[in-house]
PDB file of N, CA and C in Angstrom:
ATOM      1  N   MET A   1    -282.290  81.760-139.442  1.00  0.00           N
ATOM      2  CA  MET A   1    -282.120  82.483-140.887  1.00  0.00           C
ATOM      3  C   MET A   1    -281.242  81.541-141.775  1.00  0.00           C
ATOM      4  N   SER A   2    -281.881  80.893-142.785  1.00  0.00           N
ATOM      5  CA  SER A   2    -281.474  80.135-143.707  1.00  0.00           C
ATOM      6  C   SER A   2    -280.225  80.825-144.518  1.00  0.00           C
ATOM      7  N   GLY A   3    -279.204  80.109-144.990  1.00  0.00           N
ATOM      8  CA  GLY A   3    -277.985  80.428-145.902  1.00  0.00           C
ATOM      9  C   GLY A   3    -278.428  81.699-146.502  1.00  0.00           C
ATOM     10  N   ASN A   4    -279.749  81.042-147.744  1.00  0.00           N
ATOM     11  CA  ASN A   4    -280.163  81.862-148.517  1.00  0.00           C
ATOM     12  C   ASN A   4    -280.795  82.773-148.342  1.00  0.00           C
ATOM     13  N   SER A   5    -281.325  83.260-147.088  1.00  0.00           N
ATOM     14  CA  SER A   5    -281.671  84.238-147.003  1.00  0.00           C
ATOM     15  C   SER A   5    -280.643  85.537-146.444  1.00  0.00           C
ATOM     16  N   THR A   6    -279.659  84.837-145.631  1.00  0.00           N
ATOM     17  CA  THR A   6    -278.749  85.651-145.081  1.00  0.00           C
ATOM     18  C   THR A   6    -277.848  86.098-146.494  1.00  0.00           C
ATOM     19  N   GLU A   7    -277.826  85.313-146.947  1.00  0.00           N
ATOM     20  CA  GLU A   7    -277.113  85.504-148.901  1.00  0.00           C
ATOM     21  C   GLU A   7    -277.871  86.857-148.938  1.00  0.00           C
ATOM     22  N   GLN A   8    -279.394  86.923-149.370  1.00  0.00           N
ATOM     23  CA  GLN A   8    -279.976  87.846-149.702  1.00  0.00           C
ATOM     24  C   GLN A   8    -279.572  89.154-148.880  1.00  0.00           C
ATOM     25  N   MET A   9    -280.091  88.888-147.770  1.00  0.00           N
ATOM     26  CA  MET A   9    -279.351  90.034-147.047  1.00  0.00           C
ATOM     27  C   MET A   9    -278.239  90.937-147.171  1.00  0.00           C
ATOM     28  N   ILE A  10    -277.106  90.248-147.168  1.00  0.00           N
ATOM     29  CA  ILE A  10    -275.783  90.535-147.961  1.00  0.00           C
ATOM     30  C   ILE A  10    -276.239  91.448-148.934  1.00  0.00           C
ATOM     31  N   VAL A  11    -276.538  90.945-150.038  1.00  0.00           N
ATOM     32  CA  VAL A  11    -276.277  91.352-151.319  1.00  0.00           C
ATOM     33  C   VAL A  11    -277.677  92.737-151.274  1.00  0.00           C
ATOM     34  N   THR A  12    -278.254  92.780-149.985  1.00  0.00           N
ATOM     35  CA  THR A  12    -278.916  94.062-149.909  1.00  0.00           C
ATOM     36  C   THR A  12    -278.691  95.055-149.255  1.00  0.00           C
ATOM     37  N   LEU A  13    -277.537  94.881-148.357  1.00  0.00           N
ATOM     38  CA  LEU A  13    -277.192  95.440-147.471  1.00  0.00           C
ATOM     39  C   LEU A  13    -276.313  96.382-148.282  1.00  0.00           C
ATOM     40  N   LEU A  14    -275.573  95.610-148.942  1.00  0.00           N
ATOM     41  CA  LEU A  14    -273.966  95.851-150.221  1.00  0.00           C
ATOM     42  C   LEU A  14    -274.737  96.774-151.142  1.00  0.00           C
ATOM     43  N   ALA A  15    -276.067  96.508-151.761  1.00  0.00           N
ATOM     44  CA  ALA A  15    -276.339  97.668-152.511  1.00  0.00           C
ATOM     45  C   ALA A  15    -277.038  98.701-151.602  1.00  0.00           C
ATOM     46  N   GLU A  16    -277.129  98.474-150.800  1.00  0.00           N
ATOM     47  CA  GLU A  16    -277.516  99.929-149.975  1.00  0.00           C
ATOM     48  C   GLU A  16    -276.629 100.822-149.797  1.00  0.00           C
ATOM     49  N   GLY A  17    -275.189 100.438-150.126  1.00  0.00           N
ATOM     50  CA  GLY A  17    -274.105 101.120-149.901  1.00  0.00           C
ATOM     51  C   GLY A  17    -272.968 100.822-148.695  1.00  0.00           C
ATOM     52  N   ASN A  18    -273.217  99.826-148.013  1.00  0.00           N
ATOM     53  CA  ASN A  18    -272.912  99.829-146.710  1.00  0.00           C
ATOM     54  C   ASN A  18    -271.868  98.759-146.700  1.00  0.00           C
ATOM     55  N   PRO A  19    -270.383  98.888-145.843  1.00  0.00           N
ATOM     56  CA  PRO A  19    -268.893  98.429-146.267  1.00  0.00           C
ATOM     57  C   PRO A  19    -269.230  97.286-145.796  1.00  0.00           C
ATOM     58  N   VAL A  20    -268.453  96.417-146.533  1.00  0.00           N
ATOM     59  CA  VAL A  20    -268.478  95.115-146.109  1.00  0.00           C
ATOM     60  C   VAL A  20    -268.085  94.755-144.884  1.00  0.00           C
ATOM     61  N   TRP A  21    -267.279  95.471-144.117  1.00  0.00           N
ATOM     62  CA  TRP A  21    -267.285  95.096-142.624  1.00  0.00           C
ATOM     63  C   TRP A  21    -268.707  95.329-141.864  1.00  0.00           C
ATOM     64  N   TYR A  22    -269.248  96.144-141.987  1.00  0.00           N
ATOM     65  CA  TYR A  22    -270.378  96.586-141.304  1.00  0.00           C
ATOM     66  C   TYR A  22    -271.837  95.682-141.802  1.00  0.00           C
ATOM     67  N   VAL A  23    -271.241  94.862-142.913  1.00  0.00           N
ATOM     68  CA  VAL A  23    -272.493  93.810-143.746  1.00  0.00           C
ATOM     69  C   VAL A  23    -272.153  92.489-142.688  1.00  0.00           C
ATOM     70  N   ALA A  24    -270.495  92.324-142.786  1.00  0.00           N
ATOM     71  CA  ALA A  24    -270.301  91.485-142.290  1.00  0.00           C
ATOM     72  C   ALA A  24    -270.453  91.277-140.377  1.00  0.00           C
ATOM     73  N   ALA A  25    -270.742  92.185-139.920  1.00  0.00           N
ATOM     74  CA  ALA A  25    -270.964  92.616-138.438  1.00  0.00           C
ATOM     75  C   ALA A  25    -272.473  92.172-138.420  1.00  0.00           C
ATOM     76  N   MET A  26    -273.107  92.741-139.089  1.00  0.00           N
ATOM     77  CA  MET A  26    -274.835  92.839-139.071  1.00  0.00           C
ATOM     78  C   MET A  26    -274.890  91.301-139.285  1.00  0.00           C
ATOM     79  N   VAL A  27    -274.411  90.394-140.299  1.00  0.00           N
ATOM     80  CA  VAL A  27    -274.852  88.956-140.135  1.00  0.00           C
ATOM     81  C   VAL A  27    -273.995  87.948-139.346  1.00  0.00           C
ATOM     82  N   ASN A  28    -273.009  88.794-138.759  1.00  0.00           N
ATOM     83  CA  ASN A  28    -272.398  87.524-137.892  1.00  0.00           C
ATOM     84  C   ASN A  28    -271.256  86.791-138.811  1.00  0.00           C
ATOM     85  N   ARG A  29    -270.818  87.080-139.713  1.00  0.00           N
ATOM     86  CA  ARG A  29    -269.986  86.287-140.809  1.00  0.00           C
ATOM     87  C   ARG A  29    -268.364  87.446-141.068  1.00  0.00           C
ATOM     88  N   ARG A  30    -267.519  86.561-141.176  1.00  0.00           N
ATOM     89  CA  ARG A  30    -265.970  86.956-141.755  1.00  0.00           C
ATOM     90  C   ARG A  30    -266.595  87.959-142.848  1.00  0.00           C
ATOM     91  N   SER A  31    -265.926  89.025-142.876  1.00  0.00           N
ATOM     92  CA  SER A  31    -265.640  89.985-144.083  1.00  0.00           C
ATOM     93  C   SER A  31    -265.619  89.125-145.356  1.00  0.00           C
ATOM     94  N   HIS A  32    -264.308  88.353-145.215  1.00  0.00           N
ATOM     95  CA  HIS A  32    -264.354  87.626-146.698  1.00  0.00           C
ATOM     96  C   HIS A  32    -265.254  86.917-146.885  1.00  0.00           C
ATOM     97  N   ASP A  33    -266.421  85.715-146.270  1.00  0.00           N
ATOM     98  CA  ASP A  33    -267.180  85.580-146.305  1.00  0.00           C
ATOM     99  C   ASP A  33    -268.262  86.580-147.350  1.00  0.00           C
ATOM    100  N   VAL A  34    -268.821  87.504-146.808  1.00  0.00           N
ATOM    101  CA  VAL A  34    -269.374  88.583-147.062  1.00  0.00           C
ATOM    102  C   VAL A  34    -269.067  89.314-148.733  1.00  0.00           C
ATOM    103  N   TYR A  35    -267.962  89.578-148.483  1.00  0.00           N
ATOM    104  CA  TYR A  35    -267.170  89.724-150.139  1.00  0.00           C
ATOM    105  C   TYR A  35    -267.239  88.690-151.008  1.00  0.00           C
ATOM    106  N   LEU A  36    -267.270  87.633-150.875  1.00  0.00           N
ATOM    107  CA  LEU A  36    -267.474  86.529-151.722  1.00  0.00           C
ATOM    108  C   LEU A  36    -268.751  86.305-152.153  1.00  0.00           C
ATOM    109  N   VAL A  37    -269.616  86.363-151.406  1.00  0.00           N
ATOM    110  CA  VAL A  37    -270.935  86.350-151.514  1.00  0.00           C
ATOM    111  C   VAL A  37    -271.558  87.523-151.983  1.00  0.00           C
ATOM    112  N   GLY A  38    -270.947  88.958-152.284  1.00  0.00           N
ATOM    113  CA  GLY A  38    -271.164  90.423-152.894  1.00  0.00           C
ATOM    114  C   GLY A  38    -270.554  89.719-154.023  1.00  0.00           C
ATOM    115  N   LYS A  39    -269.529  89.500-154.488  1.00  0.00           N
ATOM    116  CA  LYS A  39    -268.988  89.332-155.403  1.00  0.00           C
ATOM    117  C   LYS A  39    -269.722  88.778-156.825  1.00  0.00           C
ATOM    118  N   ALA A  40    -270.344  87.693-155.796  1.00  0.00           N
ATOM    119  CA  ALA A  40    -270.952  86.940-156.905  1.00  0.00           C
ATOM    120  C   ALA A  40    -271.979  87.330-157.653  1.00  0.00           C
ATOM    121  N   ALA A  41    -273.127  88.856-156.935  1.00  0.00           N
ATOM    122  CA  ALA A  41    -273.705  89.252-156.833  1.00  0.00           C
ATOM    123  C   ALA A  41    -273.795  90.953-158.060  1.00  0.00           C
ATOM    124  N   GLY A  42    -272.518  90.544-158.198  1.00  0.00           N
ATOM    125  CA  GLY A  42    -271.949  91.781-158.802  1.00  0.00           C
ATOM    126  C   GLY A  42    -270.718  93.160-157.799  1.00  0.00           C
ATOM    127  N   TYR A  43    -270.528  92.787-156.876  1.00  0.00           N
ATOM    128  CA  TYR A  43    -270.142  93.906-155.916  1.00  0.00           C
ATOM    129  C   TYR A  43    -268.656  93.760-156.538  1.00  0.00           C
ATOM    130  N   PRO A  44    -268.266  95.186-156.697  1.00  0.00           N
ATOM    131  CA  PRO A  44    -268.630  96.483-155.967  1.00  0.00           C
ATOM    132  C   PRO A  44    -269.080  97.353-156.923  1.00  0.00           C
ATOM    133  N   ASP A  45    -269.891  96.725-158.035  1.00  0.00           N
ATOM    134  CA  ASP A  45    -270.812  97.542-158.738  1.00  0.00           C
ATOM    135  C   ASP A  45    -272.306  97.677-158.102  1.00  0.00           C
ATOM    136  N   ARG A  46    -272.597  98.504-157.862  1.00  0.00           N
ATOM    137  CA  ARG A  46    -273.820  98.923-156.736  1.00  0.00           C
ATOM    138  C   ARG A  46    -275.151  98.973-157.645  1.00  0.00           C
ATOM    139  N   THR A  47    -274.777  99.108-158.914  1.00  0.00           N
ATOM    140  CA  THR A  47    -275.763  98.906-160.141  1.00  0.00           C
ATOM    141  C   THR A  47    -276.544  97.668-159.990  1.00  0.00           C
ATOM    142  N   LYS A  48    -275.072  96.456-159.997  1.00  0.00           N
ATOM    143  CA  LYS A  48    -275.271  95.286-160.570  1.00  0.00           C
ATOM    144  C   LYS A  48    -275.964  94.720-159.105  1.00  0.00           C
ATOM    145  N   LEU A  49    -275.426  95.482-158.163  1.00  0.00           N
ATOM    146  CA  LEU A  49    -276.692  94.875-157.022  1.00  0.00           C
ATOM    147  C   LEU A  49    -277.357  95.030-156.795  1.00  0.00           C
ATOM    148  N   ARG A  50    -277.952  96.198-157.109  1.00  0.00           N
ATOM    149  CA  ARG A  50    -279.368  96.546-157.349  1.00  0.00           C
ATOM    150  C   ARG A  50    -280.078  95.393-158.215  1.00  0.00           C
ATOM    151  N   ARG A  51    -279.682  95.695-159.315  1.00  0.00           N
ATOM    152  CA  ARG A  51    -280.552  94.805-160.259  1.00  0.00           C
ATOM    153  C   ARG A  51    -280.955  93.504-159.819  1.00  0.00           C
ATOM    154  N   ALA A  52    -279.581  92.810-159.082  1.00  0.00           N
ATOM    155  CA  ALA A  52    -279.798  91.339-158.569  1.00  0.00           C
ATOM    156  C   ALA A  52    -280.711  91.398-157.612  1.00  0.00           C
ATOM    157  N   VAL A  53    -281.179  92.864-156.561  1.00  0.00           N
ATOM    158  CA  VAL A  53    -281.988  92.551-155.494  1.00  0.00           C
ATOM    159  C   VAL A  53    -283.437  93.119-155.886  1.00  0.00           C
ATOM    160  N   LEU A  54    -283.272  93.246-157.215  1.00  0.00           N
ATOM    161  CA  LEU A  54    -284.714  93.695-158.016  1.00  0.00           C
ATOM    162  C   LEU A  54    -285.312  92.727-158.806  1.00  0.00           C
ATOM    163  N   ALA A  55    -284.246  91.703-159.728  1.00  0.00           N
ATOM    164  CA  ALA A  55    -284.693  90.745-159.826  1.00  0.00           C
ATOM    165  C   ALA A  55    -285.152  89.393-158.896  1.00  0.00           C
ATOM    166  N   ARG A  56    -284.284  89.651-158.034  1.00  0.00           N
ATOM    167  CA  ARG A  56    -284.845  88.715-156.793  1.00  0.00           C
ATOM    168  C   ARG A  56    -286.484  88.867-156.120  1.00  0.00           C
ATOM    169  N   GLY A  57    -286.799  90.308-156.309  1.00  0.00           N
ATOM    170  CA  GLY A  57    -287.992  90.774-156.035  1.00  0.00           C
ATOM    171  C   GLY A  57    -288.915  90.523-156.640  1.00  0.00           C
ATOM    172  N   GLN A  58    -288.732  90.585-158.148  1.00  0.00           N
ATOM    173  CA  GLN A  58    -289.638  90.714-159.207  1.00  0.00           C
ATOM    174  C   GLN A  58    -289.537  89.006-159.360  1.00  0.00           C
ATOM    175  N   GLY A  59    -289.138  88.164-159.103  1.00  0.00           N
ATOM    176  CA  GLY A  59    -288.916  86.270-159.063  1.00  0.00           C
ATOM    177  C   GLY A  59    -289.941  86.218-158.187  1.00  0.00           C
ATOM    178  N   ARG A  60    -290.191  86.818-157.202  1.00  0.00           N
ATOM    179  CA  ARG A  60    -290.567  86.313-156.144  1.00  0.00           C
ATOM    180  C   ARG A  60    -292.246  86.702-156.431  1.00  0.00           C
ATOM    181  N   ARG A  61    -292.742  87.777-157.024  1.00  0.00           N
ATOM    182  CA  ARG A  61    -293.682  88.163-157.295  1.00  0.00           C
ATOM    183  C   ARG A  61    -294.386  87.348-158.543  1.00  0.00           C
ATOM    184  N   LEU A  62    -293.559  87.229-159.502  1.00  0.00           N
ATOM    185  CA  LEU A  62    -293.412  86.096-160.300  1.00  0.00           C
ATOM    186  C   LEU A  62    -294.036  84.818-160.162  1.00  0.00           C
ATOM    187  N   ALA A  63    -293.789  84.189-158.844  1.00  0.00           N
ATOM    188  CA  ALA A  63    -293.705  82.853-158.882  1.00  0.00           C
ATOM    189  C   ALA A  63    -295.140  82.997-157.667  1.00  0.00           C
ATOM    190  N   ALA A  64    -295.133  83.857-157.201  1.00  0.00           N
ATOM    191  CA  ALA A  64    -296.532  83.964-156.230  1.00  0.00           C
ATOM    192  C   ALA A  64    -297.771  83.596-157.267  1.00  0.00           C
TER     193      ALA A  64
END
Protein backbone atom coordinates (compact mmCIF):
# COMPACT_ATOMS: atom_id res chain seq x y z
CA MET A 1 0.00 0.00 0.00
CA SER A 2 1.55 3.28 -1.03
CA GLY A 3 1.72 6.30 1.24
CA ASN A 4 -0.82 8.19 -0.85
CA SER A 5 -3.44 5.45 -0.69
CA THR A 6 -2.80 5.09 3.05
CA GLU A 7 -3.37 8.82 3.51
CA GLN A 8 -6.59 8.59 1.51
CA MET A 9 -7.74 5.72 3.71
CA ILE A 10 -6.92 7.74 6.83
CA VAL A 11 -8.96 10.70 5.63
CA THR A 12 -11.85 8.44 4.64
CA LEU A 13 -11.90 6.65 8.00
CA LEU A 14 -11.74 9.93 9.91
CA ALA A 15 -14.54 11.36 7.76
CA GLU A 16 -16.67 8.35 8.72
CA GLY A 17 -16.30 9.43 12.34
CA ASN A 18 -13.76 6.88 13.53
CA PRO A 19 -11.46 8.06 16.34
CA VAL A 20 -7.78 8.73 15.62
CA TRP A 21 -6.58 5.81 17.76
CA TYR A 22 -8.84 3.41 15.85
CA VAL A 23 -7.67 4.68 12.46
CA ALA A 24 -4.05 4.40 13.59
CA ALA A 25 -4.60 0.76 14.50
CA MET A 26 -6.31 0.06 11.16
CA VAL A 27 -3.46 1.50 9.07
CA ASN A 28 -0.67 0.40 11.43
CA ARG A 29 0.63 3.90 12.16
CA ARG A 30 1.12 6.01 15.24
CA SER A 31 -1.83 8.13 16.38
CA HIS A 32 0.23 11.30 15.98
CA ASP A 33 0.95 10.51 12.31
CA VAL A 34 -2.74 9.85 11.67
CA TYR A 35 -3.65 13.11 13.39
CA LEU A 36 -1.24 15.08 11.19
CA VAL A 37 -2.65 13.56 8.00
CA GLY A 38 -6.18 14.26 9.21
CA LYS A 39 -5.34 17.80 10.26
CA ALA A 40 -3.95 18.53 6.79
CA ALA A 41 -7.33 17.44 5.35
CA GLY A 42 -9.38 19.49 7.83
CA TYR A 43 -9.68 17.27 10.94
CA PRO A 44 -11.52 17.55 13.33
CA ASP A 45 -14.14 19.16 11.08
CA ARG A 46 -15.87 16.13 9.56
CA THR A 47 -17.55 18.31 6.93
CA LYS A 48 -14.15 19.36 5.59
CA LEU A 49 -12.99 15.75 5.65
CA ARG A 50 -16.05 14.61 3.71
CA ARG A 51 -15.47 17.37 1.15
CA ALA A 52 -11.85 16.21 0.78
CA VAL A 53 -13.02 12.64 0.18
CA LEU A 54 -15.68 13.82 -2.27
CA ALA A 55 -13.24 16.06 -4.15
CA ARG A 56 -10.77 13.20 -4.42
CA GLY A 57 -13.51 10.96 -5.86
CA GLN A 58 -14.60 13.59 -8.36
CA GLY A 59 -10.99 14.19 -9.39
CA ARG A 60 -10.59 10.53 -10.24
CA ARG A 61 -13.71 10.53 -12.38
CA LEU A 62 -12.61 13.66 -14.22
CA ALA A 63 -9.16 12.23 -14.89
CA ALA A 64 -10.51 8.94 -16.21
